[in-house]
Amino acid sequence: MKYTVEEVFRTEGIPEFTFVRASNFGEILVDIRTPGKPVIIEGQSGTGKTTTAKKILEECIPAAGFQYLSARRTIDLPKIIALAEDGATGHFIIDDFHRLDDGIQTKIANLAKLAAEEYDAAVYPKLVLIGINQVGSELILCMTSQSDVEFTV
């Protein structure tokens, strides 16, 4: 089968052929698989945060049932707000977390903190939050203890 150069060497989106695992890929995988543990993946734009999370779900835990939500997609915003306001059970990736307003960020951070402290999957969701840099420091301000959350770059 033949492929064009742009199919092999994608500059946007998730690469099918040229994906290179980050050195901490295994650590992120374990954190995402760990029930009740909120995960924050933060870093500069274009560094592979979303791609890494999606590859973990696709290749390593496809049956985990994560729902991918992005603060950039208008259709996802009501779901993110409902999650922040009402809570939910299940597994969620919230991408572009930095784009959410401070009130929603704080509510989701509080939900993540409770999930880590009380670890009850029947009550709290598994959360993976992805955002550009200051997301981690903003979430730290919302949480009283850093020991319950894994920070990964």
N, C-alpha and C. Protein backbone atom coordinates (compact mmCIF):
# COMPACT_ATOMS: atom_id res chain seq x y z
N MET A 1 0.84 -1.18 0.00
CA MET A 1 0.00 0.00 0.00
C MET A 1 0.89 1.24 0.00
N LYS A 2 0.55 2.20 -0.81
CA LYS A 2 1.33 3.44 -0.90
C LYS A 2 0.63 4.55 -0.14
N TYR A 3 1.44 5.40 0.47
CA TYR A 3 0.94 6.55 1.21
C TYR A 3 1.64 7.81 0.70
N THR A 4 0.95 8.92 0.80
CA THR A 4 1.57 10.19 0.43
C THR A 4 2.44 10.65 1.60
N VAL A 5 3.34 11.57 1.32
CA VAL A 5 4.22 12.10 2.35
C VAL A 5 3.42 12.70 3.49
N GLU A 6 2.37 13.46 3.15
CA GLU A 6 1.58 14.11 4.20
C GLU A 6 0.76 13.14 5.03
N GLU A 7 0.47 11.95 4.51
CA GLU A 7 -0.21 10.93 5.30
C GLU A 7 0.74 10.33 6.33
N VAL A 8 1.98 10.16 5.96
CA VAL A 8 2.97 9.57 6.86
C VAL A 8 3.48 10.59 7.86
N PHE A 9 3.82 11.78 7.39
CA PHE A 9 4.40 12.81 8.25
C PHE A 9 3.37 13.91 8.50
N ARG A 10 2.41 13.60 9.36
CA ARG A 10 1.33 14.56 9.67
C ARG A 10 1.88 15.68 10.52
N THR A 11 1.46 16.88 10.21
CA THR A 11 1.86 18.03 11.02
C THR A 11 0.73 18.49 11.93
N GLU A 12 -0.46 17.96 11.76
CA GLU A 12 -1.61 18.28 12.60
C GLU A 12 -2.33 16.98 12.94
N GLY A 13 -2.94 16.93 14.10
CA GLY A 13 -3.70 15.75 14.48
C GLY A 13 -2.80 14.63 14.96
N ILE A 14 -3.38 13.47 15.10
CA ILE A 14 -2.66 12.32 15.64
C ILE A 14 -1.99 11.55 14.52
N PRO A 15 -0.67 11.42 14.58
CA PRO A 15 0.05 10.70 13.52
C PRO A 15 -0.22 9.19 13.60
N GLU A 16 -0.50 8.61 12.47
CA GLU A 16 -0.77 7.18 12.42
C GLU A 16 0.52 6.36 12.34
N PHE A 17 1.52 6.88 11.63
CA PHE A 17 2.72 6.11 11.36
C PHE A 17 3.95 6.60 12.13
N THR A 18 3.99 7.86 12.48
CA THR A 18 5.23 8.43 13.02
C THR A 18 5.12 8.83 14.49
N PHE A 19 4.13 8.33 15.22
CA PHE A 19 4.00 8.67 16.63
C PHE A 19 5.19 8.10 17.40
N VAL A 20 5.82 8.95 18.19
CA VAL A 20 6.93 8.53 19.04
C VAL A 20 6.49 8.73 20.48
N ARG A 21 6.54 7.66 21.26
CA ARG A 21 6.12 7.74 22.66
C ARG A 21 7.05 8.64 23.45
N ALA A 22 6.45 9.49 24.27
CA ALA A 22 7.24 10.33 25.18
C ALA A 22 7.94 9.43 26.20
N SER A 23 9.02 9.92 26.78
CA SER A 23 9.77 9.11 27.74
C SER A 23 8.93 8.73 28.96
N ASN A 24 7.91 9.53 29.28
CA ASN A 24 7.07 9.22 30.43
C ASN A 24 5.72 8.62 30.02
N PHE A 25 5.64 8.06 28.83
CA PHE A 25 4.40 7.45 28.32
C PHE A 25 3.87 6.40 29.30
N GLY A 26 4.75 5.53 29.77
CA GLY A 26 4.34 4.46 30.70
C GLY A 26 3.81 5.01 32.01
N GLU A 27 4.42 6.06 32.51
CA GLU A 27 3.95 6.67 33.75
C GLU A 27 2.57 7.28 33.57
N ILE A 28 2.36 7.95 32.45
CA ILE A 28 1.06 8.55 32.18
C ILE A 28 0.01 7.45 32.04
N LEU A 29 0.36 6.36 31.36
CA LEU A 29 -0.54 5.22 31.21
C LEU A 29 -0.98 4.69 32.57
N VAL A 30 -0.02 4.46 33.46
CA VAL A 30 -0.34 3.95 34.80
C VAL A 30 -1.24 4.92 35.55
N ASP A 31 -0.92 6.22 35.45
CA ASP A 31 -1.75 7.22 36.13
C ASP A 31 -3.18 7.23 35.59
N ILE A 32 -3.33 7.12 34.28
CA ILE A 32 -4.66 7.12 33.69
C ILE A 32 -5.41 5.85 34.07
N ARG A 33 -4.72 4.73 34.17
CA ARG A 33 -5.38 3.47 34.56
C ARG A 33 -5.73 3.41 36.03
N THR A 34 -5.06 4.19 36.87
CA THR A 34 -5.28 4.12 38.32
C THR A 34 -6.64 4.71 38.68
N PRO A 35 -7.54 3.88 39.20
CA PRO A 35 -8.87 4.38 39.55
C PRO A 35 -8.82 5.49 40.60
N GLY A 36 -9.67 6.49 40.43
CA GLY A 36 -9.79 7.55 41.41
C GLY A 36 -8.71 8.62 41.36
N LYS A 37 -7.64 8.36 40.66
CA LYS A 37 -6.53 9.31 40.63
C LYS A 37 -6.71 10.31 39.50
N PRO A 38 -6.91 11.59 39.84
CA PRO A 38 -6.98 12.59 38.78
C PRO A 38 -5.61 12.75 38.12
N VAL A 39 -5.60 13.03 36.85
CA VAL A 39 -4.35 13.20 36.12
C VAL A 39 -4.39 14.55 35.42
N ILE A 40 -3.30 15.28 35.55
CA ILE A 40 -3.16 16.55 34.84
C ILE A 40 -2.00 16.42 33.87
N ILE A 41 -2.28 16.65 32.61
CA ILE A 41 -1.23 16.65 31.59
C ILE A 41 -1.14 18.08 31.08
N GLU A 42 -0.01 18.71 31.35
CA GLU A 42 0.13 20.11 30.95
C GLU A 42 1.46 20.34 30.27
N GLY A 43 1.48 21.33 29.42
CA GLY A 43 2.70 21.68 28.70
C GLY A 43 2.38 22.69 27.61
N GLN A 44 3.39 23.06 26.90
CA GLN A 44 3.24 24.04 25.82
C GLN A 44 2.37 23.49 24.70
N SER A 45 1.80 24.38 23.93
CA SER A 45 0.98 23.99 22.79
C SER A 45 1.82 23.21 21.79
N GLY A 46 1.25 22.13 21.28
CA GLY A 46 1.92 21.35 20.24
C GLY A 46 2.94 20.36 20.72
N THR A 47 3.00 20.09 22.02
CA THR A 47 4.02 19.17 22.54
C THR A 47 3.56 17.72 22.62
N GLY A 48 2.30 17.44 22.26
CA GLY A 48 1.84 16.06 22.21
C GLY A 48 0.99 15.62 23.40
N LYS A 49 0.47 16.54 24.16
CA LYS A 49 -0.34 16.18 25.33
C LYS A 49 -1.59 15.39 24.91
N THR A 50 -2.36 15.96 24.02
CA THR A 50 -3.59 15.31 23.57
C THR A 50 -3.27 14.03 22.81
N THR A 51 -2.28 14.07 21.95
CA THR A 51 -1.90 12.89 21.19
C THR A 51 -1.51 11.75 22.11
N THR A 52 -0.73 12.03 23.14
CA THR A 52 -0.32 10.99 24.08
C THR A 52 -1.53 10.39 24.78
N ALA A 53 -2.42 11.23 25.28
CA ALA A 53 -3.61 10.71 25.97
C ALA A 53 -4.46 9.86 25.03
N LYS A 54 -4.66 10.34 23.80
CA LYS A 54 -5.48 9.59 22.85
C LYS A 54 -4.82 8.27 22.45
N LYS A 55 -3.50 8.27 22.29
CA LYS A 55 -2.78 7.03 21.96
C LYS A 55 -2.88 6.02 23.09
N ILE A 56 -2.80 6.49 24.34
CA ILE A 56 -2.95 5.60 25.49
C ILE A 56 -4.32 4.94 25.45
N LEU A 57 -5.34 5.73 25.22
CA LEU A 57 -6.70 5.17 25.17
C LEU A 57 -6.86 4.20 24.01
N GLU A 58 -6.34 4.58 22.86
CA GLU A 58 -6.50 3.78 21.64
C GLU A 58 -5.71 2.48 21.70
N GLU A 59 -4.45 2.54 22.14
CA GLU A 59 -3.56 1.38 22.07
C GLU A 59 -3.55 0.53 23.34
N CYS A 60 -3.72 1.16 24.48
CA CYS A 60 -3.48 0.45 25.74
C CYS A 60 -4.74 0.13 26.53
N ILE A 61 -5.73 1.01 26.50
CA ILE A 61 -6.94 0.77 27.28
C ILE A 61 -8.19 1.17 26.48
N PRO A 62 -8.37 0.57 25.32
CA PRO A 62 -9.49 0.98 24.47
C PRO A 62 -10.87 0.73 25.09
N ALA A 63 -10.98 -0.21 26.00
CA ALA A 63 -12.27 -0.53 26.59
C ALA A 63 -12.55 0.23 27.88
N ALA A 64 -11.70 1.19 28.22
CA ALA A 64 -11.85 1.91 29.49
C ALA A 64 -13.07 2.82 29.52
N GLY A 65 -13.60 3.18 28.38
CA GLY A 65 -14.82 3.95 28.34
C GLY A 65 -14.65 5.43 28.62
N PHE A 66 -13.53 6.00 28.27
CA PHE A 66 -13.32 7.44 28.47
C PHE A 66 -14.15 8.23 27.47
N GLN A 67 -14.74 9.31 27.96
CA GLN A 67 -15.43 10.26 27.09
C GLN A 67 -14.50 11.46 26.91
N TYR A 68 -14.17 11.77 25.67
CA TYR A 68 -13.27 12.88 25.37
C TYR A 68 -14.10 14.14 25.17
N LEU A 69 -13.80 15.17 25.96
CA LEU A 69 -14.47 16.46 25.85
C LEU A 69 -13.42 17.54 25.67
N SER A 70 -13.72 18.51 24.81
CA SER A 70 -12.79 19.60 24.58
C SER A 70 -13.48 20.93 24.82
N ALA A 71 -12.81 21.80 25.56
CA ALA A 71 -13.35 23.14 25.81
C ALA A 71 -13.36 23.98 24.53
N ARG A 72 -12.75 23.49 23.46
CA ARG A 72 -12.77 24.19 22.18
C ARG A 72 -14.02 23.86 21.36
N ARG A 73 -14.67 22.76 21.69
CA ARG A 73 -15.83 22.33 20.90
C ARG A 73 -17.12 22.79 21.59
N THR A 74 -17.86 23.60 20.89
CA THR A 74 -19.11 24.14 21.42
C THR A 74 -20.05 23.04 21.90
N ILE A 75 -20.09 21.94 21.19
CA ILE A 75 -20.98 20.84 21.53
C ILE A 75 -20.60 20.19 22.87
N ASP A 76 -19.33 20.28 23.25
CA ASP A 76 -18.86 19.67 24.50
C ASP A 76 -19.04 20.57 25.72
N LEU A 77 -19.15 21.87 25.52
CA LEU A 77 -19.21 22.80 26.66
C LEU A 77 -20.36 22.51 27.61
N PRO A 78 -21.58 22.26 27.14
CA PRO A 78 -22.65 21.94 28.10
C PRO A 78 -22.35 20.68 28.93
N LYS A 79 -21.71 19.70 28.32
CA LYS A 79 -21.35 18.47 29.04
C LYS A 79 -20.31 18.76 30.12
N ILE A 80 -19.33 19.60 29.79
CA ILE A 80 -18.28 19.97 30.76
C ILE A 80 -18.90 20.76 31.91
N ILE A 81 -19.77 21.69 31.58
CA ILE A 81 -20.42 22.50 32.62
C ILE A 81 -21.29 21.62 33.51
N ALA A 82 -22.03 20.70 32.91
CA ALA A 82 -22.87 19.79 33.69
C ALA A 82 -22.01 18.93 34.61
N LEU A 83 -20.89 18.46 34.12
CA LEU A 83 -19.97 17.68 34.94
C LEU A 83 -19.48 18.51 36.13
N ALA A 84 -19.13 19.76 35.87
CA ALA A 84 -18.65 20.66 36.92
C ALA A 84 -19.75 20.97 37.94
N GLU A 85 -20.95 21.20 37.46
CA GLU A 85 -22.07 21.61 38.32
C GLU A 85 -22.68 20.44 39.09
N ASP A 86 -22.90 19.34 38.39
CA ASP A 86 -23.67 18.25 38.97
C ASP A 86 -22.84 17.02 39.31
N GLY A 87 -21.59 16.98 38.85
CA GLY A 87 -20.79 15.78 39.03
C GLY A 87 -21.30 14.69 38.09
N ALA A 88 -20.64 13.58 38.09
CA ALA A 88 -21.03 12.45 37.25
C ALA A 88 -20.10 11.29 37.59
N THR A 89 -20.50 10.13 37.17
CA THR A 89 -19.59 9.00 37.26
C THR A 89 -19.12 8.69 35.84
N GLY A 90 -18.08 7.93 35.75
CA GLY A 90 -17.54 7.58 34.44
C GLY A 90 -16.12 8.08 34.32
N HIS A 91 -15.61 8.03 33.10
CA HIS A 91 -14.24 8.40 32.80
C HIS A 91 -14.25 9.53 31.78
N PHE A 92 -13.55 10.63 32.10
CA PHE A 92 -13.58 11.80 31.24
C PHE A 92 -12.19 12.37 31.02
N ILE A 93 -11.93 12.73 29.77
CA ILE A 93 -10.77 13.56 29.44
C ILE A 93 -11.34 14.94 29.11
N ILE A 94 -10.85 15.96 29.79
CA ILE A 94 -11.25 17.33 29.47
C ILE A 94 -10.02 18.02 28.90
N ASP A 95 -10.05 18.23 27.60
CA ASP A 95 -8.93 18.85 26.89
C ASP A 95 -9.16 20.36 26.81
N ASP A 96 -8.07 21.10 26.66
CA ASP A 96 -8.11 22.55 26.59
C ASP A 96 -8.73 23.15 27.86
N PHE A 97 -8.40 22.53 28.98
CA PHE A 97 -8.91 22.95 30.29
C PHE A 97 -8.65 24.43 30.55
N HIS A 98 -7.53 24.93 30.06
CA HIS A 98 -7.16 26.33 30.27
C HIS A 98 -8.15 27.30 29.64
N ARG A 99 -8.96 26.84 28.70
CA ARG A 99 -9.93 27.71 28.03
C ARG A 99 -11.24 27.88 28.82
N LEU A 100 -11.44 27.07 29.84
CA LEU A 100 -12.66 27.16 30.65
C LEU A 100 -12.56 28.35 31.60
N ASP A 101 -13.70 28.93 31.95
CA ASP A 101 -13.64 30.06 32.88
C ASP A 101 -13.25 29.56 34.28
N ASP A 102 -12.78 30.49 35.08
CA ASP A 102 -12.22 30.15 36.40
C ASP A 102 -13.20 29.39 37.29
N GLY A 103 -14.47 29.77 37.24
CA GLY A 103 -15.46 29.11 38.08
C GLY A 103 -15.63 27.64 37.74
N ILE A 104 -15.66 27.33 36.45
CA ILE A 104 -15.79 25.94 36.01
C ILE A 104 -14.51 25.17 36.34
N GLN A 105 -13.35 25.80 36.12
CA GLN A 105 -12.08 25.15 36.48
C GLN A 105 -12.06 24.80 37.95
N THR A 106 -12.48 25.73 38.80
CA THR A 106 -12.46 25.50 40.24
C THR A 106 -13.39 24.34 40.62
N LYS A 107 -14.58 24.30 40.04
CA LYS A 107 -15.52 23.22 40.36
C LYS A 107 -14.99 21.86 39.92
N ILE A 108 -14.37 21.81 38.75
CA ILE A 108 -13.80 20.55 38.28
C ILE A 108 -12.61 20.15 39.15
N ALA A 109 -11.80 21.12 39.55
CA ALA A 109 -10.66 20.84 40.43
C ALA A 109 -11.16 20.29 41.77
N ASN A 110 -12.22 20.87 42.30
CA ASN A 110 -12.79 20.37 43.56
C ASN A 110 -13.32 18.95 43.40
N LEU A 111 -13.95 18.68 42.26
CA LEU A 111 -14.44 17.34 41.97
C LEU A 111 -13.28 16.35 41.90
N ALA A 112 -12.19 16.75 41.24
CA ALA A 112 -11.00 15.89 41.15
C ALA A 112 -10.42 15.62 42.53
N LYS A 113 -10.38 16.63 43.37
CA LYS A 113 -9.85 16.49 44.73
C LYS A 113 -10.70 15.52 45.54
N LEU A 114 -12.01 15.66 45.47
CA LEU A 114 -12.90 14.74 46.18
C LEU A 114 -12.75 13.32 45.66
N ALA A 115 -12.64 13.16 44.36
CA ALA A 115 -12.46 11.83 43.77
C ALA A 115 -11.19 11.18 44.30
N ALA A 116 -10.13 11.96 44.43
CA ALA A 116 -8.86 11.42 44.92
C ALA A 116 -8.95 11.06 46.40
N GLU A 117 -9.60 11.90 47.18
CA GLU A 117 -9.68 11.67 48.62
C GLU A 117 -10.62 10.54 49.00
N GLU A 118 -11.76 10.49 48.33
CA GLU A 118 -12.80 9.55 48.75
C GLU A 118 -12.84 8.29 47.92
N TYR A 119 -12.21 8.30 46.76
CA TYR A 119 -12.15 7.17 45.84
C TYR A 119 -13.41 6.30 45.89
N ASP A 120 -14.44 6.78 45.28
CA ASP A 120 -15.68 6.04 45.16
C ASP A 120 -16.18 6.23 43.73
N ALA A 121 -15.90 5.24 42.89
CA ALA A 121 -16.26 5.34 41.47
C ALA A 121 -17.76 5.40 41.25
N ALA A 122 -18.54 5.00 42.25
CA ALA A 122 -19.99 5.08 42.13
C ALA A 122 -20.48 6.52 42.32
N VAL A 123 -19.61 7.39 42.85
CA VAL A 123 -19.98 8.77 43.14
C VAL A 123 -19.19 9.78 42.32
N TYR A 124 -17.89 9.49 42.10
CA TYR A 124 -17.00 10.46 41.47
C TYR A 124 -16.43 9.94 40.15
N PRO A 125 -16.14 10.86 39.24
CA PRO A 125 -15.57 10.44 37.95
C PRO A 125 -14.06 10.28 38.01
N LYS A 126 -13.54 9.57 37.04
CA LYS A 126 -12.10 9.54 36.77
C LYS A 126 -11.85 10.68 35.81
N LEU A 127 -10.94 11.60 36.17
CA LEU A 127 -10.69 12.79 35.36
C LEU A 127 -9.26 12.86 34.87
N VAL A 128 -9.11 13.15 33.59
CA VAL A 128 -7.83 13.47 33.00
C VAL A 128 -7.99 14.87 32.41
N LEU A 129 -7.22 15.82 32.93
CA LEU A 129 -7.31 17.20 32.50
C LEU A 129 -6.09 17.56 31.68
N ILE A 130 -6.31 18.13 30.50
CA ILE A 130 -5.21 18.47 29.60
C ILE A 130 -5.28 19.97 29.32
N GLY A 131 -4.13 20.64 29.47
CA GLY A 131 -4.13 22.06 29.20
C GLY A 131 -2.74 22.64 29.02
N ILE A 132 -2.70 23.88 28.62
CA ILE A 132 -1.44 24.59 28.41
C ILE A 132 -0.99 25.19 29.73
N ASN A 133 0.27 25.09 29.95
CA ASN A 133 0.98 25.39 31.18
C ASN A 133 0.21 25.87 32.40
N GLN A 134 -0.14 27.04 32.60
CA GLN A 134 -0.61 27.49 33.89
C GLN A 134 -1.77 26.69 34.47
N VAL A 135 -2.28 25.72 33.74
CA VAL A 135 -3.36 24.88 34.26
C VAL A 135 -2.94 24.22 35.56
N GLY A 136 -1.75 23.63 35.58
CA GLY A 136 -1.30 22.93 36.77
C GLY A 136 -1.22 23.84 37.98
N SER A 137 -0.64 25.02 37.82
CA SER A 137 -0.50 25.92 38.95
C SER A 137 -1.86 26.45 39.40
N GLU A 138 -2.79 26.66 38.47
CA GLU A 138 -4.13 27.10 38.85
C GLU A 138 -4.86 26.02 39.63
N LEU A 139 -4.68 24.77 39.22
CA LEU A 139 -5.34 23.69 39.95
C LEU A 139 -4.75 23.50 41.34
N ILE A 140 -3.45 23.72 41.47
CA ILE A 140 -2.82 23.60 42.78
C ILE A 140 -3.47 24.56 43.76
N LEU A 141 -3.78 25.76 43.30
CA LEU A 141 -4.42 26.75 44.16
C LEU A 141 -5.80 26.28 44.61
N CYS A 142 -6.45 25.47 43.79
CA CYS A 142 -7.79 24.99 44.12
C CYS A 142 -7.76 23.80 45.06
N MET A 143 -6.65 23.13 45.11
CA MET A 143 -6.55 21.91 45.92
C MET A 143 -5.65 22.18 47.12
N THR A 144 -5.99 21.61 48.23
CA THR A 144 -5.20 21.85 49.44
C THR A 144 -4.01 20.92 49.54
N SER A 145 -4.02 19.81 48.79
CA SER A 145 -2.93 18.86 48.85
C SER A 145 -2.52 18.43 47.46
N GLN A 146 -1.23 18.50 47.17
CA GLN A 146 -0.73 18.06 45.86
C GLN A 146 -0.54 16.56 45.82
N SER A 147 -0.51 15.89 46.95
CA SER A 147 -0.17 14.47 46.99
C SER A 147 -1.23 13.59 46.33
N ASP A 148 -2.43 14.11 46.12
CA ASP A 148 -3.50 13.31 45.55
C ASP A 148 -3.54 13.36 44.02
N VAL A 149 -2.72 14.20 43.44
CA VAL A 149 -2.78 14.41 42.00
C VAL A 149 -1.40 14.20 41.40
N GLU A 150 -1.36 13.52 40.28
CA GLU A 150 -0.09 13.31 39.57
C GLU A 150 0.04 14.40 38.51
N PHE A 151 1.14 15.11 38.54
CA PHE A 151 1.40 16.14 37.54
C PHE A 151 2.39 15.60 36.54
N THR A 152 2.04 15.66 35.28
CA THR A 152 2.86 15.08 34.24
C THR A 152 3.03 16.08 33.12
N VAL A 153 4.25 16.22 32.63
CA VAL A 153 4.50 17.11 31.51
C VAL A 153 4.91 16.28 30.33
